[in-house]
Amino acid sequence: DIGAEQFAEALKTNNTLEHLNLGGNKISDIGAEQFAEALKTNNTLESLNLAENKIFDFGAEQFAEALKTNSTLREVDLRKNKISDIGAERFAKALGRRMLFRW
């Protein structure tokens, strides 16, 4: 999650990166929470791949909250994490139909 923290910090001030693939990097809910916080201020990222990590319901909920204020992200891939149906449902409800969500 240390590397995730560094990427998340960079995303806060990023003004060019549109796609980020961090699949298979053992990112946990701690790293997911840091990315979610960064997404509250990032206005360029369009797709984020966090598939095959160690994100649980808490991490999914943090993303859902952050994406309520983020208008640029259109695709989040959280496949092959540890998100239950309940976590996925909460995430989907928070976003409505504005983006593609894979879990």
PDB file of N, CA and C in Angstrom:
ATOM      1  N   ASP A   1       0.801  -1.212   0.000  1.00  0.00           N
ATOM      2  CA  ASP A   1       0.000   0.000   0.000  1.00  0.00           C
ATOM      3  C   ASP A   1       0.838   1.269   0.000  1.00  0.00           C
ATOM      4  N   ILE A   2       2.127   1.152   0.250  1.00  0.00           N
ATOM      5  CA  ILE A   2       2.994   2.335   0.211  1.00  0.00           C
ATOM      6  C   ILE A   2       3.046   2.912  -1.200  1.00  0.00           C
ATOM      7  N   GLY A   3       3.193   2.049  -2.187  1.00  0.00           N
ATOM      8  CA  GLY A   3       3.198   2.503  -3.574  1.00  0.00           C
ATOM      9  C   GLY A   3       1.859   3.098  -3.966  1.00  0.00           C
ATOM     10  N   ALA A   4       0.776   2.512  -3.470  1.00  0.00           N
ATOM     11  CA  ALA A   4      -0.558   3.037  -3.748  1.00  0.00           C
ATOM     12  C   ALA A   4      -0.704   4.437  -3.175  1.00  0.00           C
ATOM     13  N   GLU A   5      -0.157   4.634  -1.989  1.00  0.00           N
ATOM     14  CA  GLU A   5      -0.214   5.958  -1.363  1.00  0.00           C
ATOM     15  C   GLU A   5       0.504   6.995  -2.228  1.00  0.00           C
ATOM     16  N   GLN A   6       1.635   6.627  -2.790  1.00  0.00           N
ATOM     17  CA  GLN A   6       2.388   7.549  -3.642  1.00  0.00           C
ATOM     18  C   GLN A   6       1.623   7.866  -4.933  1.00  0.00           C
ATOM     19  N   PHE A   7       1.020   6.856  -5.546  1.00  0.00           N
ATOM     20  CA  PHE A   7       0.204   7.089  -6.738  1.00  0.00           C
ATOM     21  C   PHE A   7      -0.988   7.982  -6.397  1.00  0.00           C
ATOM     22  N   ALA A   8      -1.620   7.717  -5.269  1.00  0.00           N
ATOM     23  CA  ALA A   8      -2.788   8.499  -4.862  1.00  0.00           C
ATOM     24  C   ALA A   8      -2.412   9.968  -4.658  1.00  0.00           C
ATOM     25  N   GLU A   9      -1.291  10.210  -4.034  1.00  0.00           N
ATOM     26  CA  GLU A   9      -0.832  11.597  -3.843  1.00  0.00           C
ATOM     27  C   GLU A   9      -0.605  12.281  -5.185  1.00  0.00           C
ATOM     28  N   ALA A  10      -0.016  11.563  -6.120  1.00  0.00           N
ATOM     29  CA  ALA A  10       0.238  12.125  -7.450  1.00  0.00           C
ATOM     30  C   ALA A  10      -1.069  12.426  -8.180  1.00  0.00           C
ATOM     31  N   LEU A  11      -2.073  11.595  -7.973  1.00  0.00           N
ATOM     32  CA  LEU A  11      -3.367  11.804  -8.639  1.00  0.00           C
ATOM     33  C   LEU A  11      -4.050  13.091  -8.186  1.00  0.00           C
ATOM     34  N   LYS A  12      -3.769  13.502  -6.969  1.00  0.00           N
ATOM     35  CA  LYS A  12      -4.402  14.717  -6.452  1.00  0.00           C
ATOM     36  C   LYS A  12      -4.041  15.950  -7.276  1.00  0.00           C
ATOM     37  N   THR A  13      -2.841  15.960  -7.837  1.00  0.00           N
ATOM     38  CA  THR A  13      -2.401  17.125  -8.605  1.00  0.00           C
ATOM     39  C   THR A  13      -2.226  16.827 -10.086  1.00  0.00           C
ATOM     40  N   ASN A  14      -2.496  15.610 -10.488  1.00  0.00           N
ATOM     41  CA  ASN A  14      -2.353  15.211 -11.881  1.00  0.00           C
ATOM     42  C   ASN A  14      -3.278  16.023 -12.783  1.00  0.00           C
ATOM     43  N   ASN A  15      -2.771  16.437 -13.932  1.00  0.00           N
ATOM     44  CA  ASN A  15      -3.631  17.121 -14.891  1.00  0.00           C
ATOM     45  C   ASN A  15      -3.482  16.553 -16.306  1.00  0.00           C
ATOM     46  N   THR A  16      -2.876  15.357 -16.429  1.00  0.00           N
ATOM     47  CA  THR A  16      -2.725  14.747 -17.751  1.00  0.00           C
ATOM     48  C   THR A  16      -3.131  13.274 -17.810  1.00  0.00           C
ATOM     49  N   LEU A  17      -2.897  12.512 -16.780  1.00  0.00           N
ATOM     50  CA  LEU A  17      -3.155  11.067 -16.802  1.00  0.00           C
ATOM     51  C   LEU A  17      -4.646  10.777 -16.912  1.00  0.00           C
ATOM     52  N   GLU A  18      -5.022   9.963 -17.909  1.00  0.00           N
ATOM     53  CA  GLU A  18      -6.430   9.631 -18.119  1.00  0.00           C
ATOM     54  C   GLU A  18      -6.754   8.178 -17.782  1.00  0.00           C
ATOM     55  N   HIS A  19      -5.768   7.281 -17.864  1.00  0.00           N
ATOM     56  CA  HIS A  19      -5.986   5.856 -17.621  1.00  0.00           C
ATOM     57  C   HIS A  19      -4.882   5.340 -16.705  1.00  0.00           C
ATOM     58  N   LEU A  20      -5.268   4.593 -15.673  1.00  0.00           N
ATOM     59  CA  LEU A  20      -4.295   4.054 -14.730  1.00  0.00           C
ATOM     60  C   LEU A  20      -4.629   2.594 -14.459  1.00  0.00           C
ATOM     61  N   ASN A  21      -3.652   1.706 -14.689  1.00  0.00           N
ATOM     62  CA  ASN A  21      -3.818   0.278 -14.484  1.00  0.00           C
ATOM     63  C   ASN A  21      -2.903  -0.160 -13.345  1.00  0.00           C
ATOM     64  N   LEU A  22      -3.501  -0.480 -12.210  1.00  0.00           N
ATOM     65  CA  LEU A  22      -2.760  -0.975 -11.054  1.00  0.00           C
ATOM     66  C   LEU A  22      -3.288  -2.344 -10.628  1.00  0.00           C
ATOM     67  N   GLY A  23      -3.751  -3.104 -11.602  1.00  0.00           N
ATOM     68  CA  GLY A  23      -4.248  -4.442 -11.322  1.00  0.00           C
ATOM     69  C   GLY A  23      -3.132  -5.350 -10.830  1.00  0.00           C
ATOM     70  N   GLY A  24      -3.476  -6.242  -9.910  1.00  0.00           N
ATOM     71  CA  GLY A  24      -2.540  -7.247  -9.416  1.00  0.00           C
ATOM     72  C   GLY A  24      -1.391  -6.696  -8.589  1.00  0.00           C
ATOM     73  N   ASN A  25      -1.648  -5.681  -7.781  1.00  0.00           N
ATOM     74  CA  ASN A  25      -0.581  -5.065  -6.986  1.00  0.00           C
ATOM     75  C   ASN A  25      -0.765  -5.189  -5.479  1.00  0.00           C
ATOM     76  N   LYS A  26      -1.622  -6.076  -5.039  1.00  0.00           N
ATOM     77  CA  LYS A  26      -1.851  -6.336  -3.614  1.00  0.00           C
ATOM     78  C   LYS A  26      -2.319  -5.099  -2.852  1.00  0.00           C
ATOM     79  N   ILE A  27      -3.053  -4.243  -3.521  1.00  0.00           N
ATOM     80  CA  ILE A  27      -3.590  -3.041  -2.882  1.00  0.00           C
ATOM     81  C   ILE A  27      -4.769  -3.455  -2.000  1.00  0.00           C
ATOM     82  N   SER A  28      -4.762  -2.990  -0.760  1.00  0.00           N
ATOM     83  CA  SER A  28      -5.803  -3.342   0.201  1.00  0.00           C
ATOM     84  C   SER A  28      -6.794  -2.188   0.353  1.00  0.00           C
ATOM     85  N   ASP A  29      -7.675  -2.318   1.340  1.00  0.00           N
ATOM     86  CA  ASP A  29      -8.622  -1.238   1.629  1.00  0.00           C
ATOM     87  C   ASP A  29      -7.905   0.055   2.003  1.00  0.00           C
ATOM     88  N   ILE A  30      -6.730  -0.050   2.594  1.00  0.00           N
ATOM     89  CA  ILE A  30      -5.955   1.147   2.952  1.00  0.00           C
ATOM     90  C   ILE A  30      -5.575   1.911   1.686  1.00  0.00           C
ATOM     91  N   GLY A  31      -5.026   1.217   0.716  1.00  0.00           N
ATOM     92  CA  GLY A  31      -4.676   1.856  -0.550  1.00  0.00           C
ATOM     93  C   GLY A  31      -5.900   2.337  -1.296  1.00  0.00           C
ATOM     94  N   ALA A  32      -6.981   1.553  -1.256  1.00  0.00           N
ATOM     95  CA  ALA A  32      -8.219   1.951  -1.925  1.00  0.00           C
ATOM     96  C   ALA A  32      -8.760   3.240  -1.322  1.00  0.00           C
ATOM     97  N   GLU A  33      -8.685   3.349  -0.016  1.00  0.00           N
ATOM     98  CA  GLU A  33      -9.155   4.571   0.652  1.00  0.00           C
ATOM     99  C   GLU A  33      -8.327   5.783   0.213  1.00  0.00           C
ATOM    100  N   GLN A  34      -7.024   5.598   0.041  1.00  0.00           N
ATOM    101  CA  GLN A  34      -6.153   6.688  -0.412  1.00  0.00           C
ATOM    102  C   GLN A  34      -6.486   7.094  -1.847  1.00  0.00           C
ATOM    103  N   PHE A  35      -6.747   6.109  -2.713  1.00  0.00           N
ATOM    104  CA  PHE A  35      -7.154   6.429  -4.088  1.00  0.00           C
ATOM    105  C   PHE A  35      -8.487   7.159  -4.089  1.00  0.00           C
ATOM    106  N   ALA A  36      -9.401   6.702  -3.271  1.00  0.00           N
ATOM    107  CA  ALA A  36     -10.722   7.334  -3.204  1.00  0.00           C
ATOM    108  C   ALA A  36     -10.590   8.800  -2.799  1.00  0.00           C
ATOM    109  N   GLU A  37      -9.753   9.068  -1.831  1.00  0.00           N
ATOM    110  CA  GLU A  37      -9.537  10.454  -1.398  1.00  0.00           C
ATOM    111  C   GLU A  37      -8.971  11.296  -2.539  1.00  0.00           C
ATOM    112  N   ALA A  38      -8.047  10.730  -3.292  1.00  0.00           N
ATOM    113  CA  ALA A  38      -7.444  11.452  -4.420  1.00  0.00           C
ATOM    114  C   ALA A  38      -8.470  11.730  -5.512  1.00  0.00           C
ATOM    115  N   LEU A  39      -9.401  10.809  -5.706  1.00  0.00           N
ATOM    116  CA  LEU A  39     -10.398  10.979  -6.762  1.00  0.00           C
ATOM    117  C   LEU A  39     -11.366  12.118  -6.470  1.00  0.00           C
ATOM    118  N   LYS A  40     -11.437  12.527  -5.226  1.00  0.00           N
ATOM    119  CA  LYS A  40     -12.315  13.648  -4.877  1.00  0.00           C
ATOM    120  C   LYS A  40     -11.839  14.947  -5.518  1.00  0.00           C
ATOM    121  N   THR A  41     -10.526  15.048  -5.799  1.00  0.00           N
ATOM    122  CA  THR A  41      -9.995  16.278  -6.386  1.00  0.00           C
ATOM    123  C   THR A  41      -9.466  16.094  -7.805  1.00  0.00           C
ATOM    124  N   ASN A  42      -9.223  14.861  -8.223  1.00  0.00           N
ATOM    125  CA  ASN A  42      -8.708  14.621  -9.571  1.00  0.00           C
ATOM    126  C   ASN A  42      -9.785  14.901 -10.605  1.00  0.00           C
ATOM    127  N   ASN A  43      -9.406  15.573 -11.701  1.00  0.00           N
ATOM    128  CA  ASN A  43     -10.400  15.880 -12.734  1.00  0.00           C
ATOM    129  C   ASN A  43      -9.950  15.464 -14.132  1.00  0.00           C
ATOM    130  N   THR A  44      -9.031  14.485 -14.218  1.00  0.00           N
ATOM    131  CA  THR A  44      -8.589  14.018 -15.532  1.00  0.00           C
ATOM    132  C   THR A  44      -8.719  12.508 -15.716  1.00  0.00           C
ATOM    133  N   LEU A  45      -8.634  11.737 -14.661  1.00  0.00           N
ATOM    134  CA  LEU A  45      -8.648  10.278 -14.783  1.00  0.00           C
ATOM    135  C   LEU A  45     -10.013   9.795 -15.274  1.00  0.00           C
ATOM    136  N   GLU A  46      -9.992   8.985 -16.345  1.00  0.00           N
ATOM    137  CA  GLU A  46     -11.224   8.452 -16.923  1.00  0.00           C
ATOM    138  C   GLU A  46     -11.425   6.978 -16.609  1.00  0.00           C
ATOM    139  N   SER A  47     -10.329   6.224 -16.453  1.00  0.00           N
ATOM    140  CA  SER A  47     -10.467   4.807 -16.120  1.00  0.00           C
ATOM    141  C   SER A  47      -9.404   4.404 -15.105  1.00  0.00           C
ATOM    142  N   LEU A  48      -9.837   3.545 -14.176  1.00  0.00           N
ATOM    143  CA  LEU A  48      -8.960   3.071 -13.116  1.00  0.00           C
ATOM    144  C   LEU A  48      -9.145   1.567 -12.988  1.00  0.00           C
ATOM    145  N   ASN A  49      -8.054   0.818 -13.182  1.00  0.00           N
ATOM    146  CA  ASN A  49      -8.083  -0.632 -13.064  1.00  0.00           C
ATOM    147  C   ASN A  49      -7.399  -1.029 -11.768  1.00  0.00           C
ATOM    148  N   LEU A  50      -8.192  -1.537 -10.841  1.00  0.00           N
ATOM    149  CA  LEU A  50      -7.668  -2.066  -9.581  1.00  0.00           C
ATOM    150  C   LEU A  50      -8.069  -3.538  -9.421  1.00  0.00           C
ATOM    151  N   ALA A  51      -8.213  -4.235 -10.537  1.00  0.00           N
ATOM    152  CA  ALA A  51      -8.589  -5.650 -10.513  1.00  0.00           C
ATOM    153  C   ALA A  51      -7.477  -6.477  -9.871  1.00  0.00           C
ATOM    154  N   GLU A  52      -7.865  -7.610  -9.320  1.00  0.00           N
ATOM    155  CA  GLU A  52      -6.930  -8.577  -8.742  1.00  0.00           C
ATOM    156  C   GLU A  52      -6.060  -7.982  -7.642  1.00  0.00           C
ATOM    157  N   ASN A  53      -6.696  -7.254  -6.747  1.00  0.00           N
ATOM    158  CA  ASN A  53      -6.022  -6.726  -5.566  1.00  0.00           C
ATOM    159  C   ASN A  53      -6.669  -7.326  -4.329  1.00  0.00           C
ATOM    160  N   LYS A  54      -6.583  -6.657  -3.204  1.00  0.00           N
ATOM    161  CA  LYS A  54      -7.136  -7.170  -1.941  1.00  0.00           C
ATOM    162  C   LYS A  54      -8.090  -6.148  -1.335  1.00  0.00           C
ATOM    163  N   ILE A  55      -9.003  -5.685  -2.180  1.00  0.00           N
ATOM    164  CA  ILE A  55      -9.955  -4.665  -1.759  1.00  0.00           C
ATOM    165  C   ILE A  55     -11.254  -5.348  -1.327  1.00  0.00           C
ATOM    166  N   PHE A  56     -11.744  -4.972  -0.149  1.00  0.00           N
ATOM    167  CA  PHE A  56     -12.974  -5.526   0.415  1.00  0.00           C
ATOM    168  C   PHE A  56     -14.101  -4.492   0.296  1.00  0.00           C
ATOM    169  N   ASP A  57     -15.210  -4.761   0.960  1.00  0.00           N
ATOM    170  CA  ASP A  57     -16.367  -3.868   0.899  1.00  0.00           C
ATOM    171  C   ASP A  57     -16.039  -2.443   1.342  1.00  0.00           C
ATOM    172  N   PHE A  58     -15.234  -2.310   2.379  1.00  0.00           N
ATOM    173  CA  PHE A  58     -14.886  -0.964   2.864  1.00  0.00           C
ATOM    174  C   PHE A  58     -14.244  -0.138   1.755  1.00  0.00           C
ATOM    175  N   GLY A  59     -13.310  -0.714   1.027  1.00  0.00           N
ATOM    176  CA  GLY A  59     -12.653  -0.003  -0.071  1.00  0.00           C
ATOM    177  C   GLY A  59     -13.630   0.379  -1.161  1.00  0.00           C
ATOM    178  N   ALA A  60     -14.544  -0.529  -1.498  1.00  0.00           N
ATOM    179  CA  ALA A  60     -15.558  -0.242  -2.517  1.00  0.00           C
ATOM    180  C   ALA A  60     -16.452   0.906  -2.071  1.00  0.00           C
ATOM    181  N   GLU A  61     -16.808   0.921  -0.803  1.00  0.00           N
ATOM    182  CA  GLU A  61     -17.648   1.999  -0.283  1.00  0.00           C
ATOM    183  C   GLU A  61     -16.919   3.341  -0.313  1.00  0.00           C
ATOM    184  N   GLN A  62     -15.626   3.324  -0.059  1.00  0.00           N
ATOM    185  CA  GLN A  62     -14.847   4.566  -0.122  1.00  0.00           C
ATOM    186  C   GLN A  62     -14.834   5.116  -1.547  1.00  0.00           C
ATOM    187  N   PHE A  63     -14.690   4.233  -2.525  1.00  0.00           N
ATOM    188  CA  PHE A  63     -14.741   4.665  -3.930  1.00  0.00           C
ATOM    189  C   PHE A  63     -16.108   5.245  -4.263  1.00  0.00           C
ATOM    190  N   ALA A  64     -17.142   4.579  -3.818  1.00  0.00           N
ATOM    191  CA  ALA A  64     -18.498   5.049  -4.112  1.00  0.00           C
ATOM    192  C   ALA A  64     -18.701   6.465  -3.583  1.00  0.00           C
ATOM    193  N   GLU A  65     -18.249   6.719  -2.374  1.00  0.00           N
ATOM    194  CA  GLU A  65     -18.382   8.060  -1.801  1.00  0.00           C
ATOM    195  C   GLU A  65     -17.586   9.089  -2.599  1.00  0.00           C
ATOM    196  N   ALA A  66     -16.364   8.735  -2.956  1.00  0.00           N
ATOM    197  CA  ALA A  66     -15.512   9.666  -3.704  1.00  0.00           C
ATOM    198  C   ALA A  66     -16.079   9.972  -5.078  1.00  0.00           C
ATOM    199  N   LEU A  67     -16.643   8.967  -5.705  1.00  0.00           N
ATOM    200  CA  LEU A  67     -17.122   9.145  -7.072  1.00  0.00           C
ATOM    201  C   LEU A  67     -18.418   9.939  -7.153  1.00  0.00           C
ATOM    202  N   LYS A  68     -19.025  10.191  -6.022  1.00  0.00           N
ATOM    203  CA  LYS A  68     -20.189  11.072  -6.007  1.00  0.00           C
ATOM    204  C   LYS A  68     -19.797  12.489  -6.406  1.00  0.00           C
ATOM    205  N   THR A  69     -18.540  12.856  -6.150  1.00  0.00           N
ATOM    206  CA  THR A  69     -18.080  14.207  -6.480  1.00  0.00           C
ATOM    207  C   THR A  69     -17.142  14.239  -7.681  1.00  0.00           C
ATOM    208  N   ASN A  70     -16.681  13.086  -8.141  1.00  0.00           N
ATOM    209  CA  ASN A  70     -15.782  13.026  -9.297  1.00  0.00           C
ATOM    210  C   ASN A  70     -16.615  12.878 -10.561  1.00  0.00           C
ATOM    211  N   SER A  71     -16.429  13.791 -11.510  1.00  0.00           N
ATOM    212  CA  SER A  71     -17.253  13.756 -12.723  1.00  0.00           C
ATOM    213  C   SER A  71     -16.514  13.229 -13.951  1.00  0.00           C
ATOM    214  N   THR A  72     -15.243  12.902 -13.839  1.00  0.00           N
ATOM    215  CA  THR A  72     -14.486  12.476 -15.017  1.00  0.00           C
ATOM    216  C   THR A  72     -14.303  10.965 -15.114  1.00  0.00           C
ATOM    217  N   LEU A  73     -14.232  10.264 -13.996  1.00  0.00           N
ATOM    218  CA  LEU A  73     -14.005   8.821 -14.023  1.00  0.00           C
ATOM    219  C   LEU A  73     -15.230   8.109 -14.583  1.00  0.00           C
ATOM    220  N   ARG A  74     -15.023   7.304 -15.625  1.00  0.00           N
ATOM    221  CA  ARG A  74     -16.106   6.610 -16.302  1.00  0.00           C
ATOM    222  C   ARG A  74     -16.043   5.095 -16.140  1.00  0.00           C
ATOM    223  N   GLU A  75     -14.881   4.579 -15.741  1.00  0.00           N
ATOM    224  CA  GLU A  75     -14.733   3.125 -15.632  1.00  0.00           C
ATOM    225  C   GLU A  75     -13.839   2.779 -14.450  1.00  0.00           C
ATOM    226  N   VAL A  76     -14.333   1.880 -13.597  1.00  0.00           N
ATOM    227  CA  VAL A  76     -13.558   1.353 -12.479  1.00  0.00           C
ATOM    228  C   VAL A  76     -13.639  -0.164 -12.558  1.00  0.00           C
ATOM    229  N   ASP A  77     -12.495  -0.806 -12.591  1.00  0.00           N
ATOM    230  CA  ASP A  77     -12.443  -2.266 -12.645  1.00  0.00           C
ATOM    231  C   ASP A  77     -11.960  -2.779 -11.296  1.00  0.00           C
ATOM    232  N   LEU A  78     -12.859  -3.422 -10.573  1.00  0.00           N
ATOM    233  CA  LEU A  78     -12.527  -3.990  -9.265  1.00  0.00           C
ATOM    234  C   LEU A  78     -12.728  -5.513  -9.269  1.00  0.00           C
ATOM    235  N   ARG A  79     -12.655  -6.122 -10.455  1.00  0.00           N
ATOM    236  CA  ARG A  79     -12.820  -7.574 -10.537  1.00  0.00           C
ATOM    237  C   ARG A  79     -11.742  -8.294  -9.732  1.00  0.00           C
ATOM    238  N   LYS A  80     -12.117  -9.468  -9.271  1.00  0.00           N
ATOM    239  CA  LYS A  80     -11.207 -10.368  -8.546  1.00  0.00           C
ATOM    240  C   LYS A  80     -10.594  -9.707  -7.317  1.00  0.00           C
ATOM    241  N   ASN A  81     -11.420  -8.967  -6.602  1.00  0.00           N
ATOM    242  CA  ASN A  81     -11.062  -8.463  -5.289  1.00  0.00           C
ATOM    243  C   ASN A  81     -11.888  -9.247  -4.270  1.00  0.00           C
ATOM    244  N   LYS A  82     -12.059  -8.732  -3.109  1.00  0.00           N
ATOM    245  CA  LYS A  82     -12.799  -9.426  -2.047  1.00  0.00           C
ATOM    246  C   LYS A  82     -14.108  -8.702  -1.731  1.00  0.00           C
ATOM    247  N   ILE A  83     -14.720  -8.132  -2.757  1.00  0.00           N
ATOM    248  CA  ILE A  83     -15.941  -7.355  -2.577  1.00  0.00           C
ATOM    249  C   ILE A  83     -17.149  -8.294  -2.663  1.00  0.00           C
ATOM    250  N   SER A  84     -17.981  -8.240  -1.633  1.00  0.00           N
ATOM    251  CA  SER A  84     -19.169  -9.095  -1.611  1.00  0.00           C
ATOM    252  C   SER A  84     -20.278  -8.469  -2.461  1.00  0.00           C
ATOM    253  N   ASP A  85     -21.348  -9.218  -2.619  1.00  0.00           N
ATOM    254  CA  ASP A  85     -22.502  -8.693  -3.348  1.00  0.00           C
ATOM    255  C   ASP A  85     -23.048  -7.437  -2.667  1.00  0.00           C
ATOM    256  N   ILE A  86     -22.999  -7.405  -1.360  1.00  0.00           N
ATOM    257  CA  ILE A  86     -23.488  -6.238  -0.609  1.00  0.00           C
ATOM    258  C   ILE A  86     -22.639  -5.010  -0.924  1.00  0.00           C
ATOM    259  N   GLY A  87     -21.331  -5.162  -0.921  1.00  0.00           N
ATOM    260  CA  GLY A  87     -20.432  -4.048  -1.245  1.00  0.00           C
ATOM    261  C   GLY A  87     -20.624  -3.571  -2.668  1.00  0.00           C
ATOM    262  N   ALA A  88     -20.781  -4.501  -3.594  1.00  0.00           N
ATOM    263  CA  ALA A  88     -20.990  -4.144  -5.004  1.00  0.00           C
ATOM    264  C   ALA A  88     -22.318  -3.419  -5.188  1.00  0.00           C
ATOM    265  N   GLU A  89     -23.332  -3.861  -4.471  1.00  0.00           N
ATOM    266  CA  GLU A  89     -24.645  -3.215  -4.573  1.00  0.00           C
ATOM    267  C   GLU A  89     -24.582  -1.781  -4.054  1.00  0.00           C
ATOM    268  N   ARG A  90     -23.914  -1.572  -2.946  1.00  0.00           N
ATOM    269  CA  ARG A  90     -23.770  -0.216  -2.400  1.00  0.00           C
ATOM    270  C   ARG A  90     -23.021   0.685  -3.376  1.00  0.00           C
ATOM    271  N   PHE A  91     -21.981   0.135  -3.960  1.00  0.00           N
ATOM    272  CA  PHE A  91     -21.193   0.884  -4.937  1.00  0.00           C
ATOM    273  C   PHE A  91     -22.067   1.277  -6.127  1.00  0.00           C
ATOM    274  N   ALA A  92     -22.778   0.315  -6.671  1.00  0.00           N
ATOM    275  CA  ALA A  92     -23.618   0.564  -7.841  1.00  0.00           C
ATOM    276  C   ALA A  92     -24.722   1.571  -7.538  1.00  0.00           C
ATOM    277  N   LYS A  93     -25.338   1.482  -6.377  1.00  0.00           N
ATOM    278  CA  LYS A  93     -26.402   2.412  -6.012  1.00  0.00           C
ATOM    279  C   LYS A  93     -25.877   3.836  -5.889  1.00  0.00           C
ATOM    280  N   ALA A  94     -24.689   3.976  -5.366  1.00  0.00           N
ATOM    281  CA  ALA A  94     -24.109   5.312  -5.197  1.00  0.00           C
ATOM    282  C   ALA A  94     -23.836   5.976  -6.539  1.00  0.00           C
ATOM    283  N   LEU A  95     -23.560   5.176  -7.549  1.00  0.00           N
ATOM    284  CA  LEU A  95     -23.180   5.730  -8.844  1.00  0.00           C
ATOM    285  C   LEU A  95     -24.310   5.830  -9.846  1.00  0.00           C
ATOM    286  N   GLY A  96     -25.346   5.080  -9.667  1.00  0.00           N
ATOM    287  CA  GLY A  96     -26.418   5.075 -10.654  1.00  0.00           C
ATOM    288  C   GLY A  96     -25.904   4.513 -11.970  1.00  0.00           C
ATOM    289  N   ARG A  97     -26.206   5.160 -13.070  1.00  0.00           N
ATOM    290  CA  ARG A  97     -25.833   4.650 -14.381  1.00  0.00           C
ATOM    291  C   ARG A  97     -24.725   5.463 -15.046  1.00  0.00           C
ATOM    292  N   ARG A  98     -24.029   6.280 -14.316  1.00  0.00           N
ATOM    293  CA  ARG A  98     -23.089   7.194 -14.963  1.00  0.00           C
ATOM    294  C   ARG A  98     -21.761   6.577 -15.343  1.00  0.00           C
ATOM    295  N   MET A  99     -21.472   5.349 -14.919  1.00  0.00           N
ATOM    296  CA  MET A  99     -20.174   4.761 -15.259  1.00  0.00           C
ATOM    297  C   MET A  99     -20.247   3.255 -15.345  1.00  0.00           C
ATOM    298  N   LEU A 100     -19.186   2.673 -15.923  1.00  0.00           N
ATOM    299  CA  LEU A 100     -19.047   1.226 -16.030  1.00  0.00           C
ATOM    300  C   LEU A 100     -18.309   0.721 -14.794  1.00  0.00           C
ATOM    301  N   PHE A 101     -18.909  -0.234 -14.129  1.00  0.00           N
ATOM    302  CA  PHE A 101     -18.316  -0.810 -12.922  1.00  0.00           C
ATOM    303  C   PHE A 101     -18.202  -2.301 -13.119  1.00  0.00           C
ATOM    304  N   ARG A 102     -16.996  -2.822 -12.966  1.00  0.00           N
ATOM    305  CA  ARG A 102     -16.761  -4.264 -13.093  1.00  0.00           C
ATOM    306  C   ARG A 102     -16.318  -4.787 -11.736  1.00  0.00           C
ATOM    307  N   TRP A 103     -16.989  -5.879 -11.296  1.00  0.00           N
ATOM    308  CA  TRP A 103     -16.559  -6.495 -10.059  1.00  0.00           C
ATOM    309  C   TRP A 103     -16.663  -7.973 -10.101  1.00  0.00           C
TER     310      TRP A 103
END
